[in-house]
Amino acid sequence: MKHIFILVVLIASVTFTGCEDFLAEDVRGQENLDTYFQSEEEAESFINGCYNALNFNDWWQVNTVWLLSEMCSDDAWMGNTSQGSDYTSLSHYQGTGQSNGLISNFWQYRYKGILKCNIAIDRIGQVEFKDEAKKERMIAEARFLRGFFYFELVKNFGGVPLVTSFVMPEEIEGITRSSVEDVYKFIEDDFTAAADVLPQRSGYGAADMGRATRGAALGFLGKIYLYQEKWSDARNVLKTIMDEGEY
């Protein structure tokens, strides 16, 4: 009887161990960052995903960017329907991130874009490229987009938490809100670094039209100087665009 009991225990242990292995499935629908960045093609695909973060995935959210800016102005009217309480609260200056889905989704999507850009900046530098200039351009594209996402956030929320590198979710909790000045300084650095590397619009082939350019980076840099009333800095950078004759 004792031998039978031992045999049953052994069979059960093997069976349950096998079940654990059998039931352990690989995560599907998302890439493993530890194994993903193995080629130039994968790096380029990831950068394209950073651009995709400019748009919201939900079809009804595509207008959120301009709605946040315009619903509180005389340029937009939510209409006379009883639907769309989020729009109504915006038009009455009553929306908050806790109560308004438009605001909370805008916040989340912008930080999702920042996360993608931080991953790109962190990992693309480790990929072997045939053309190192292309690698540097992709990193500059990520910095351009990150600067844009933070510009959207600081315009709508003032000072926000600055996530400046790729960190795990549990590490984000300790990041506190930065001042408006610090956020703008970070954006300035991103656009300046991007402008130093990105090609002019004419430097792209037809297949790459629409990617970030030196002119776009300088243009946004000039714009954020204007937002901060740095008139002399704005004049200098915007005059550079004019003098370079690309537009």
C-alpha atoms as a PDB file:
ATOM      1  CA  MET A   1       0.000   0.000   0.000  1.00  0.00           C
ATOM      2  CA  LYS A   2       2.850   2.332   0.872  1.00  0.00           C
ATOM      3  CA  HIS A   3       4.437   1.747  -2.540  1.00  0.00           C
ATOM      4  CA  ILE A   4       1.126   2.465  -4.272  1.00  0.00           C
ATOM      5  CA  PHE A   5       0.789   5.768  -2.380  1.00  0.00           C
ATOM      6  CA  ILE A   6       4.305   6.865  -3.374  1.00  0.00           C
ATOM      7  CA  LEU A   7       3.605   5.954  -6.989  1.00  0.00           C
ATOM      8  CA  VAL A   8       0.395   8.012  -6.985  1.00  0.00           C
ATOM      9  CA  VAL A   9       2.243  11.020  -5.560  1.00  0.00           C
ATOM     10  CA  LEU A  10       4.965  10.763  -8.199  1.00  0.00           C
ATOM     11  CA  ILE A  11       2.439  10.494 -11.019  1.00  0.00           C
ATOM     12  CA  ALA A  12       0.476  13.459  -9.658  1.00  0.00           C
ATOM     13  CA  SER A  13       3.591  15.623  -9.354  1.00  0.00           C
ATOM     14  CA  VAL A  14       4.656  14.852 -12.908  1.00  0.00           C
ATOM     15  CA  THR A  15       1.132  15.419 -14.185  1.00  0.00           C
ATOM     16  CA  PHE A  16       0.691  18.797 -12.505  1.00  0.00           C
ATOM     17  CA  THR A  17       4.177  19.927 -13.534  1.00  0.00           C
ATOM     18  CA  GLY A  18       3.350  19.027 -17.091  1.00  0.00           C
ATOM     19  CA  CYS A  19       0.048  20.896 -16.823  1.00  0.00           C
ATOM     20  CA  GLU A  20       1.838  24.033 -15.657  1.00  0.00           C
ATOM     21  CA  ASP A  21       4.111  23.927 -18.687  1.00  0.00           C
ATOM     22  CA  PHE A  22       1.180  23.169 -20.953  1.00  0.00           C
ATOM     23  CA  LEU A  23      -0.945  25.997 -19.583  1.00  0.00           C
ATOM     24  CA  ALA A  24       1.889  28.563 -19.689  1.00  0.00           C
ATOM     25  CA  GLU A  25       1.238  30.438 -22.928  1.00  0.00           C
ATOM     26  CA  ASP A  26       3.451  33.005 -24.581  1.00  0.00           C
ATOM     27  CA  VAL A  27       2.097  36.555 -24.508  1.00  0.00           C
ATOM     28  CA  ARG A  28       0.556  37.236 -27.881  1.00  0.00           C
ATOM     29  CA  GLY A  29      -0.377  40.495 -29.562  1.00  0.00           C
ATOM     30  CA  GLN A  30       2.665  42.382 -28.286  1.00  0.00           C
ATOM     31  CA  GLU A  31       6.380  42.218 -28.869  1.00  0.00           C
ATOM     32  CA  ASN A  32       8.962  41.155 -26.294  1.00  0.00           C
ATOM     33  CA  LEU A  33      11.298  44.128 -25.973  1.00  0.00           C
ATOM     34  CA  ASP A  34      14.169  41.892 -24.915  1.00  0.00           C
ATOM     35  CA  THR A  35      14.130  40.132 -28.282  1.00  0.00           C
ATOM     36  CA  TYR A  36      12.445  42.603 -30.621  1.00  0.00           C
ATOM     37  CA  PHE A  37      15.139  45.080 -31.677  1.00  0.00           C
ATOM     38  CA  GLN A  38      17.264  42.668 -33.690  1.00  0.00           C
ATOM     39  CA  SER A  39      17.287  44.348 -37.096  1.00  0.00           C
ATOM     40  CA  GLU A  40      17.102  47.649 -38.908  1.00  0.00           C
ATOM     41  CA  GLU A  41      13.673  46.675 -40.239  1.00  0.00           C
ATOM     42  CA  GLU A  42      12.293  46.113 -36.746  1.00  0.00           C
ATOM     43  CA  ALA A  43      13.673  49.462 -35.602  1.00  0.00           C
ATOM     44  CA  GLU A  44      11.995  51.246 -38.497  1.00  0.00           C
ATOM     45  CA  SER A  45       8.718  49.466 -37.815  1.00  0.00           C
ATOM     46  CA  PHE A  46       8.847  50.628 -34.204  1.00  0.00           C
ATOM     47  CA  ILE A  47       9.484  54.235 -35.233  1.00  0.00           C
ATOM     48  CA  ASN A  48       6.456  54.039 -37.495  1.00  0.00           C
ATOM     49  CA  GLY A  49       4.528  52.979 -34.404  1.00  0.00           C
ATOM     50  CA  CYS A  50       5.678  56.163 -32.676  1.00  0.00           C
ATOM     51  CA  TYR A  51       4.077  58.163 -35.477  1.00  0.00           C
ATOM     52  CA  ASN A  52       0.924  56.092 -35.098  1.00  0.00           C
ATOM     53  CA  ALA A  53       0.649  57.437 -31.555  1.00  0.00           C
ATOM     54  CA  LEU A  54      -0.204  60.832 -33.061  1.00  0.00           C
ATOM     55  CA  ASN A  55      -3.669  59.429 -33.772  1.00  0.00           C
ATOM     56  CA  PHE A  56      -6.062  57.934 -31.261  1.00  0.00           C
ATOM     57  CA  ASN A  57      -7.102  54.349 -31.908  1.00  0.00           C
ATOM     58  CA  ASP A  58     -10.770  54.921 -31.147  1.00  0.00           C
ATOM     59  CA  TRP A  59     -12.564  56.368 -34.156  1.00  0.00           C
ATOM     60  CA  TRP A  60     -14.631  58.731 -32.030  1.00  0.00           C
ATOM     61  CA  GLN A  61     -11.509  60.071 -30.301  1.00  0.00           C
ATOM     62  CA  VAL A  62      -9.806  61.395 -33.433  1.00  0.00           C
ATOM     63  CA  ASN A  63     -11.120  64.909 -32.822  1.00  0.00           C
ATOM     64  CA  THR A  64     -10.049  65.090 -29.190  1.00  0.00           C
ATOM     65  CA  VAL A  65      -6.935  67.184 -29.874  1.00  0.00           C
ATOM     66  CA  TRP A  66      -8.782  70.112 -31.391  1.00  0.00           C
ATOM     67  CA  LEU A  67     -11.806  69.667 -29.120  1.00  0.00           C
ATOM     68  CA  LEU A  68      -9.701  70.229 -26.012  1.00  0.00           C
ATOM     69  CA  SER A  69      -8.445  73.472 -27.514  1.00  0.00           C
ATOM     70  CA  GLU A  70     -11.631  74.722 -29.122  1.00  0.00           C
ATOM     71  CA  MET A  71     -14.581  73.609 -26.978  1.00  0.00           C
ATOM     72  CA  CYS A  72     -13.757  76.331 -24.461  1.00  0.00           C
ATOM     73  CA  SER A  73     -13.619  78.980 -27.182  1.00  0.00           C
ATOM     74  CA  ASP A  74     -16.132  80.655 -29.494  1.00  0.00           C
ATOM     75  CA  ASP A  75     -14.869  78.559 -32.418  1.00  0.00           C
ATOM     76  CA  ALA A  76     -16.819  75.417 -31.490  1.00  0.00           C
ATOM     77  CA  TRP A  77     -20.321  74.624 -30.237  1.00  0.00           C
ATOM     78  CA  MET A  78     -21.359  71.283 -28.856  1.00  0.00           C
ATOM     79  CA  GLY A  79     -24.897  71.605 -30.279  1.00  0.00           C
ATOM     80  CA  ASN A  80     -28.292  71.302 -28.666  1.00  0.00           C
ATOM     81  CA  THR A  81     -28.370  67.566 -28.068  1.00  0.00           C
ATOM     82  CA  SER A  82     -28.542  66.118 -24.583  1.00  0.00           C
ATOM     83  CA  GLN A  83     -25.824  63.630 -25.519  1.00  0.00           C
ATOM     84  CA  GLY A  84     -22.106  64.267 -25.137  1.00  0.00           C
ATOM     85  CA  SER A  85     -21.820  65.331 -21.504  1.00  0.00           C
ATOM     86  CA  ASP A  86     -18.020  65.387 -21.855  1.00  0.00           C
ATOM     87  CA  TYR A  87     -18.315  68.044 -24.544  1.00  0.00           C
ATOM     88  CA  THR A  88     -20.773  70.047 -22.462  1.00  0.00           C
ATOM     89  CA  SER A  89     -18.507  70.086 -19.421  1.00  0.00           C
ATOM     90  CA  LEU A  90     -15.607  71.253 -21.577  1.00  0.00           C
ATOM     91  CA  SER A  91     -17.633  74.097 -23.045  1.00  0.00           C
ATOM     92  CA  HIS A  92     -18.609  75.125 -19.495  1.00  0.00           C
ATOM     93  CA  TYR A  93     -15.021  74.921 -18.185  1.00  0.00           C
ATOM     94  CA  GLN A  94     -16.021  72.098 -15.852  1.00  0.00           C
ATOM     95  CA  GLY A  95     -14.068  69.116 -17.162  1.00  0.00           C
ATOM     96  CA  THR A  96     -11.435  67.322 -15.114  1.00  0.00           C
ATOM     97  CA  GLY A  97      -9.350  64.252 -15.841  1.00  0.00           C
ATOM     98  CA  GLN A  98     -11.300  62.276 -13.254  1.00  0.00           C
ATOM     99  CA  SER A  99     -14.732  63.117 -14.666  1.00  0.00           C
ATOM    100  CA  ASN A 100     -14.197  63.754 -18.379  1.00  0.00           C
ATOM    101  CA  GLY A 101     -13.295  60.910 -20.728  1.00  0.00           C
ATOM    102  CA  LEU A 102     -11.970  63.237 -23.426  1.00  0.00           C
ATOM    103  CA  ILE A 103      -9.429  64.733 -21.047  1.00  0.00           C
ATOM    104  CA  SER A 104      -8.333  61.451 -19.482  1.00  0.00           C
ATOM    105  CA  ASN A 105      -7.995  59.745 -22.874  1.00  0.00           C
ATOM    106  CA  PHE A 106      -5.950  62.654 -24.225  1.00  0.00           C
ATOM    107  CA  TRP A 107      -3.600  62.341 -21.234  1.00  0.00           C
ATOM    108  CA  GLN A 108      -3.265  58.582 -21.614  1.00  0.00           C
ATOM    109  CA  TYR A 109      -2.673  58.604 -25.365  1.00  0.00           C
ATOM    110  CA  ARG A 110      -0.005  61.285 -25.113  1.00  0.00           C
ATOM    111  CA  TYR A 111       1.871  59.338 -22.457  1.00  0.00           C
ATOM    112  CA  LYS A 112       1.528  56.164 -24.530  1.00  0.00           C
ATOM    113  CA  GLY A 113       3.266  58.057 -27.327  1.00  0.00           C
ATOM    114  CA  ILE A 114       5.988  59.219 -24.936  1.00  0.00           C
ATOM    115  CA  LEU A 115       6.493  55.629 -23.767  1.00  0.00           C
ATOM    116  CA  LYS A 116       6.979  54.460 -27.355  1.00  0.00           C
ATOM    117  CA  CYS A 117       9.456  57.261 -28.045  1.00  0.00           C
ATOM    118  CA  ASN A 118      11.429  56.502 -24.883  1.00  0.00           C
ATOM    119  CA  ILE A 119      11.655  52.844 -25.882  1.00  0.00           C
ATOM    120  CA  ALA A 120      12.829  53.823 -29.367  1.00  0.00           C
ATOM    121  CA  ILE A 121      15.500  56.169 -28.013  1.00  0.00           C
ATOM    122  CA  ASP A 122      16.670  53.538 -25.528  1.00  0.00           C
ATOM    123  CA  ARG A 123      16.757  50.519 -27.848  1.00  0.00           C
ATOM    124  CA  ILE A 124      17.421  51.685 -31.414  1.00  0.00           C
ATOM    125  CA  GLY A 125      20.932  52.777 -30.487  1.00  0.00           C
ATOM    126  CA  GLN A 126      21.748  49.121 -29.777  1.00  0.00           C
ATOM    127  CA  VAL A 127      20.686  47.925 -33.246  1.00  0.00           C
ATOM    128  CA  GLU A 128      23.299  47.379 -35.943  1.00  0.00           C
ATOM    129  CA  PHE A 129      22.568  49.493 -39.027  1.00  0.00           C
ATOM    130  CA  LYS A 130      24.180  49.438 -42.445  1.00  0.00           C
ATOM    131  CA  ASP A 131      23.920  53.222 -42.417  1.00  0.00           C
ATOM    132  CA  GLU A 132      24.629  54.845 -39.047  1.00  0.00           C
ATOM    133  CA  ALA A 133      23.120  58.113 -40.284  1.00  0.00           C
ATOM    134  CA  LYS A 134      19.765  56.369 -40.656  1.00  0.00           C
ATOM    135  CA  LYS A 135      19.976  55.141 -37.069  1.00  0.00           C
ATOM    136  CA  GLU A 136      20.681  58.659 -35.812  1.00  0.00           C
ATOM    137  CA  ARG A 137      17.801  59.979 -37.904  1.00  0.00           C
ATOM    138  CA  MET A 138      15.368  57.510 -36.336  1.00  0.00           C
ATOM    139  CA  ILE A 139      16.449  58.479 -32.834  1.00  0.00           C
ATOM    140  CA  ALA A 140      15.998  62.131 -33.814  1.00  0.00           C
ATOM    141  CA  GLU A 141      12.504  61.323 -35.093  1.00  0.00           C
ATOM    142  CA  ALA A 142      11.663  59.815 -31.709  1.00  0.00           C
ATOM    143  CA  ARG A 143      12.949  62.914 -29.918  1.00  0.00           C
ATOM    144  CA  PHE A 144      10.923  65.145 -32.232  1.00  0.00           C
ATOM    145  CA  LEU A 145       7.743  63.179 -31.513  1.00  0.00           C
ATOM    146  CA  ARG A 146       8.422  63.077 -27.779  1.00  0.00           C
ATOM    147  CA  GLY A 147       8.853  66.845 -27.800  1.00  0.00           C
ATOM    148  CA  PHE A 148       5.557  67.192 -29.641  1.00  0.00           C
ATOM    149  CA  PHE A 149       3.689  64.976 -27.173  1.00  0.00           C
ATOM    150  CA  TYR A 150       5.034  66.930 -24.205  1.00  0.00           C
ATOM    151  CA  PHE A 151       4.163  70.209 -25.942  1.00  0.00           C
ATOM    152  CA  GLU A 152       0.559  69.010 -26.250  1.00  0.00           C
ATOM    153  CA  LEU A 153       0.538  68.101 -22.560  1.00  0.00           C
ATOM    154  CA  VAL A 154       2.078  71.301 -21.216  1.00  0.00           C
ATOM    155  CA  LYS A 155      -0.292  73.430 -23.300  1.00  0.00           C
ATOM    156  CA  ASN A 156      -3.320  71.718 -21.793  1.00  0.00           C
ATOM    157  CA  PHE A 157      -2.197  70.807 -18.274  1.00  0.00           C
ATOM    158  CA  GLY A 158       0.713  73.074 -17.377  1.00  0.00           C
ATOM    159  CA  GLY A 159       3.465  71.255 -15.505  1.00  0.00           C
ATOM    160  CA  VAL A 160       3.304  67.479 -15.965  1.00  0.00           C
ATOM    161  CA  PRO A 161       5.414  64.498 -14.834  1.00  0.00           C
ATOM    162  CA  LEU A 162       8.528  64.216 -16.996  1.00  0.00           C
ATOM    163  CA  VAL A 163       9.248  60.623 -17.963  1.00  0.00           C
ATOM    164  CA  THR A 164      12.578  61.114 -19.700  1.00  0.00           C
ATOM    165  CA  SER A 165      13.622  57.514 -20.313  1.00  0.00           C
ATOM    166  CA  PHE A 166      12.170  54.033 -20.606  1.00  0.00           C
ATOM    167  CA  VAL A 167      11.128  52.885 -17.141  1.00  0.00           C
ATOM    168  CA  MET A 168       8.948  50.063 -15.885  1.00  0.00           C
ATOM    169  CA  PRO A 169       5.403  50.881 -14.684  1.00  0.00           C
ATOM    170  CA  GLU A 170       6.285  50.436 -11.006  1.00  0.00           C
ATOM    171  CA  GLU A 171       9.020  53.073 -11.363  1.00  0.00           C
ATOM    172  CA  ILE A 172       6.681  55.686 -12.819  1.00  0.00           C
ATOM    173  CA  GLU A 173       4.760  56.040  -9.555  1.00  0.00           C
ATOM    174  CA  GLY A 174       7.658  57.901  -7.970  1.00  0.00           C
ATOM    175  CA  ILE A 175       7.845  60.537 -10.720  1.00  0.00           C
ATOM    176  CA  THR A 176       6.224  63.762  -9.535  1.00  0.00           C
ATOM    177  CA  ARG A 177       4.897  66.731 -11.448  1.00  0.00           C
ATOM    178  CA  SER A 178       7.536  69.010 -12.964  1.00  0.00           C
ATOM    179  CA  SER A 179       7.258  72.763 -13.301  1.00  0.00           C
ATOM    180  CA  VAL A 180       6.110  74.368 -16.543  1.00  0.00           C
ATOM    181  CA  GLU A 181       9.596  75.812 -16.976  1.00  0.00           C
ATOM    182  CA  ASP A 182      11.259  72.414 -16.646  1.00  0.00           C
ATOM    183  CA  VAL A 183       8.840  70.820 -19.104  1.00  0.00           C
ATOM    184  CA  TYR A 184       9.475  73.536 -21.681  1.00  0.00           C
ATOM    185  CA  LYS A 185      13.222  73.203 -21.191  1.00  0.00           C
ATOM    186  CA  PHE A 186      12.974  69.474 -21.856  1.00  0.00           C
ATOM    187  CA  ILE A 187      10.920  70.114 -24.998  1.00  0.00           C
ATOM    188  CA  GLU A 188      13.433  72.700 -26.191  1.00  0.00           C
ATOM    189  CA  ASP A 189      16.243  70.177 -25.797  1.00  0.00           C
ATOM    190  CA  ASP A 190      14.332  67.520 -27.751  1.00  0.00           C
ATOM    191  CA  PHE A 191      13.492  69.794 -30.665  1.00  0.00           C
ATOM    192  CA  THR A 192      16.998  71.274 -30.739  1.00  0.00           C
ATOM    193  CA  ALA A 193      18.609  67.824 -30.791  1.00  0.00           C
ATOM    194  CA  ALA A 194      16.169  66.651 -33.461  1.00  0.00           C
ATOM    195  CA  ALA A 195      16.804  69.695 -35.658  1.00  0.00           C
ATOM    196  CA  ASP A 196      20.554  69.068 -35.551  1.00  0.00           C
ATOM    197  CA  VAL A 197      20.125  65.592 -37.072  1.00  0.00           C
ATOM    198  CA  LEU A 198      16.920  65.456 -39.113  1.00  0.00           C
ATOM    199  CA  PRO A 199      17.130  66.063 -42.868  1.00  0.00           C
ATOM    200  CA  GLN A 200      15.321  68.825 -44.646  1.00  0.00           C
ATOM    201  CA  ARG A 201      12.046  67.963 -46.342  1.00  0.00           C
ATOM    202  CA  SER A 202      13.857  67.667 -49.667  1.00  0.00           C
ATOM    203  CA  GLY A 203      16.256  65.140 -48.128  1.00  0.00           C
ATOM    204  CA  TYR A 204      13.569  62.453 -47.932  1.00  0.00           C
ATOM    205  CA  GLY A 205      12.532  60.170 -50.741  1.00  0.00           C
ATOM    206  CA  ALA A 206       8.914  59.795 -51.798  1.00  0.00           C
ATOM    207  CA  ALA A 207       8.409  56.745 -49.567  1.00  0.00           C
ATOM    208  CA  ASP A 208       9.413  58.719 -46.457  1.00  0.00           C
ATOM    209  CA  MET A 209       7.456  61.907 -47.027  1.00  0.00           C
ATOM    210  CA  GLY A 210       5.643  62.937 -43.865  1.00  0.00           C
ATOM    211  CA  ARG A 211       8.446  62.049 -41.474  1.00  0.00           C
ATOM    212  CA  ALA A 212       9.805  64.661 -39.096  1.00  0.00           C
ATOM    213  CA  THR A 213      12.128  67.175 -40.739  1.00  0.00           C
ATOM    214  CA  ARG A 214      14.644  69.762 -39.637  1.00  0.00           C
ATOM    215  CA  GLY A 215      12.226  72.504 -40.660  1.00  0.00           C
ATOM    216  CA  ALA A 216       9.415  71.020 -38.566  1.00  0.00           C
ATOM    217  CA  ALA A 217      11.675  70.713 -35.517  1.00  0.00           C
ATOM    218  CA  LEU A 218      12.838  74.322 -35.862  1.00  0.00           C
ATOM    219  CA  GLY A 219       9.262  75.456 -36.427  1.00  0.00           C
ATOM    220  CA  PHE A 220       8.049  73.851 -33.213  1.00  0.00           C
ATOM    221  CA  LEU A 221      11.085  75.167 -31.369  1.00  0.00           C
ATOM    222  CA  GLY A 222      10.184  78.665 -32.508  1.00  0.00           C
ATOM    223  CA  LYS A 223       6.581  78.112 -31.451  1.00  0.00           C
ATOM    224  CA  ILE A 224       7.447  77.047 -27.922  1.00  0.00           C
ATOM    225  CA  TYR A 225       9.704  80.086 -27.620  1.00  0.00           C
ATOM    226  CA  LEU A 226       6.686  82.217 -28.542  1.00  0.00           C
ATOM    227  CA  TYR A 227       4.564  80.451 -25.929  1.00  0.00           C
ATOM    228  CA  GLN A 228       7.177  81.401 -23.334  1.00  0.00           C
ATOM    229  CA  GLU A 229       7.498  84.959 -24.660  1.00  0.00           C
ATOM    230  CA  LYS A 230      11.131  84.397 -25.566  1.00  0.00           C
ATOM    231  CA  TRP A 231      10.828  86.779 -28.475  1.00  0.00           C
ATOM    232  CA  SER A 232      14.497  87.025 -29.406  1.00  0.00           C
ATOM    233  CA  ASP A 233      14.998  83.252 -29.387  1.00  0.00           C
ATOM    234  CA  ALA A 234      11.856  82.777 -31.455  1.00  0.00           C
ATOM    235  CA  ARG A 235      12.987  85.343 -33.997  1.00  0.00           C
ATOM    236  CA  ASN A 236      16.399  83.739 -34.388  1.00  0.00           C
ATOM    237  CA  VAL A 237      15.185  80.185 -34.891  1.00  0.00           C
ATOM    238  CA  LEU A 238      12.335  81.152 -37.215  1.00  0.00           C
ATOM    239  CA  LYS A 239      14.674  83.343 -39.259  1.00  0.00           C
ATOM    240  CA  THR A 240      16.919  80.289 -39.647  1.00  0.00           C
ATOM    241  CA  ILE A 241      14.037  78.483 -41.342  1.00  0.00           C
ATOM    242  CA  MET A 242      13.555  81.394 -43.724  1.00  0.00           C
ATOM    243  CA  ASP A 243      17.267  81.748 -44.468  1.00  0.00           C
ATOM    244  CA  GLU A 244      17.686  78.056 -45.285  1.00  0.00           C
ATOM    245  CA  GLY A 245      15.206  78.480 -48.132  1.00  0.00           C
ATOM    246  CA  GLU A 246      13.529  75.097 -47.858  1.00  0.00           C
ATOM    247  CA  TYR A 247      10.048  76.604 -47.640  1.00  0.00           C
END
